Protein backbone atom coordinates (compact mmCIF):
# COMPACT_ATOMS: atom_id res chain seq x y z
CA MET A 1 6.00 0.70 -14.39
CA GLU A 2 4.81 -1.82 -16.95
CA ILE A 3 7.76 -0.76 -19.11
CA LEU A 4 10.05 -2.52 -16.62
CA ILE A 5 8.53 -5.86 -17.59
CA SER A 6 10.56 -5.82 -20.79
CA ASN A 7 13.21 -3.24 -19.86
CA TYR A 8 14.24 -4.26 -16.34
CA LYS A 9 17.80 -3.31 -15.32
CA LYS A 10 19.71 -4.79 -12.39
CA ASP A 11 19.19 -1.88 -9.95
CA ASP A 12 15.52 -1.27 -10.76
CA TYR A 13 14.59 -3.33 -7.69
CA LYS A 14 15.51 -0.23 -5.64
CA ILE A 15 12.87 1.83 -7.44
CA LEU A 16 10.30 -0.94 -7.01
CA ALA A 17 11.07 -1.33 -3.30
CA ASN A 18 10.73 2.41 -2.80
CA ILE A 19 7.38 2.50 -4.57
CA ALA A 20 6.13 -0.53 -2.61
CA SER A 21 7.23 1.06 0.67
CA LYS A 22 5.31 4.24 -0.02
CA THR A 23 2.10 2.57 -1.23
CA ASN A 24 -0.62 1.85 1.31
CA ASP A 25 -3.82 1.88 -0.74
CA GLU A 26 -5.17 -1.68 -1.03
CA TYR A 27 -6.13 -1.29 -4.70
CA GLN A 28 -2.73 0.14 -5.62
CA ILE A 29 -0.94 -2.63 -3.71
CA GLU A 30 -2.85 -5.26 -5.69
CA ASN A 31 -2.04 -3.45 -8.92
CA LEU A 32 1.65 -3.30 -8.00
CA ALA A 33 1.64 -7.00 -7.12
CA GLY A 34 0.42 -7.85 -10.61
CA ILE A 35 3.07 -5.68 -12.24
CA PHE A 36 5.92 -6.76 -9.94
CA THR A 37 5.18 -10.45 -10.42
CA GLU A 38 5.22 -10.00 -14.19
CA ILE A 39 8.52 -8.12 -13.96
CA PHE A 40 10.17 -10.82 -11.88
CA LYS A 41 8.71 -13.73 -13.85
CA LEU A 42 10.57 -12.44 -16.90
CA ASN A 43 13.59 -11.08 -15.04
CA SER A 44 14.87 -13.69 -12.63
CA THR A 45 17.00 -12.11 -9.91
CA LYS A 46 17.70 -12.51 -6.22
CA LYS A 47 17.09 -8.77 -5.94
CA CYS A 48 13.34 -9.44 -6.22
CA LYS A 49 13.28 -10.23 -2.51
CA LYS A 50 12.95 -6.75 -1.02
CA PRO A 51 10.19 -5.30 -3.24
CA LEU A 52 8.18 -8.52 -3.24
CA GLU A 53 8.40 -8.99 0.54
CA ILE A 54 7.29 -5.41 1.10
CA LEU A 55 4.19 -6.03 -1.01
CA TYR A 56 3.54 -9.45 0.52
CA ASN A 57 3.45 -7.92 3.98
CA LYS A 58 0.92 -5.29 2.88
CA MET A 59 -1.54 -7.46 0.98
CA ASN A 60 -4.30 -9.92 1.64
CA CYS A 61 -4.98 -11.27 -1.87
CA GLY A 62 -4.24 -15.00 -1.82
CA ILE A 63 -3.59 -15.26 -5.56
CA HIS A 64 -1.00 -12.48 -5.60
CA ARG A 65 0.61 -13.73 -2.38
CA HIS A 66 0.92 -17.14 -4.05
CA GLU A 67 2.67 -15.65 -7.07
CA ILE A 68 5.03 -13.64 -4.87
CA ILE A 69 5.98 -16.70 -2.81
CA ARG A 70 6.46 -18.79 -5.94
CA ILE A 71 8.84 -16.20 -7.41
CA LEU A 72 10.77 -15.90 -4.13
CA ILE A 73 11.18 -19.69 -4.07
CA GLU A 74 12.24 -19.86 -7.73
CA ASN A 75 14.90 -17.22 -7.08
CA GLY A 76 16.12 -18.92 -3.91
CA VAL A 77 15.35 -15.98 -1.63
CA LEU A 78 12.37 -17.11 0.43
CA SER A 79 13.07 -16.03 4.00
CA ASN A 80 12.68 -18.44 6.90
CA LYS A 81 10.09 -16.08 8.37
CA LEU A 82 7.87 -16.32 5.30
CA LYS A 83 8.53 -20.04 4.96
CA LYS A 84 7.11 -20.55 8.46
CA GLU A 85 4.24 -18.12 7.89
CA ILE A 86 2.95 -19.56 4.61
CA LYS A 87 2.24 -22.90 6.23
CA PHE A 88 -0.82 -21.10 7.62
CA ASP A 89 -1.76 -19.07 4.54
CA SER A 90 -5.47 -18.96 3.75
CA TYR A 91 -4.79 -19.95 0.13
CA LEU A 92 -4.24 -23.70 -0.26
CA LYS A 93 -1.95 -23.40 -3.29
CA THR A 94 0.39 -21.19 -1.26
CA ARG A 95 0.49 -23.62 1.65
CA GLU A 96 1.37 -26.39 -0.79
CA LEU A 97 4.45 -24.49 -1.97
CA VAL A 98 6.37 -25.31 1.21
CA LYS A 99 5.97 -29.07 0.97
C-alpha cells in the first residue's frame, strides 16, 4: 500500500476503506493508520473521510488519531460526531484541534 503514497488515484479511497473495514488486528490497524495518513497528507481529497473514519473508530493510539483528525479537518470533512467526541480525547493535542 505504500505505493499509493506517491501514486494515489481518485478512486483508491474505495480500496483503502475496504482494507480498513476488514482489518481488526490492533498492530495492523496502527500500521494502516501510518500509511493512510501519509497517503492523505500528500494527496488532499475529501474522499479521505471514509477510510480514515473507519480506522479512527478501530484504534486507540492517540498520535495516529491526532493525525487522522488533523487530516479530516484540513480536508473539510470532519463529521459533527467526531468533532463532539474529540473534545474528550485522551491526547491533549487532539483535543486542542477543535478550539
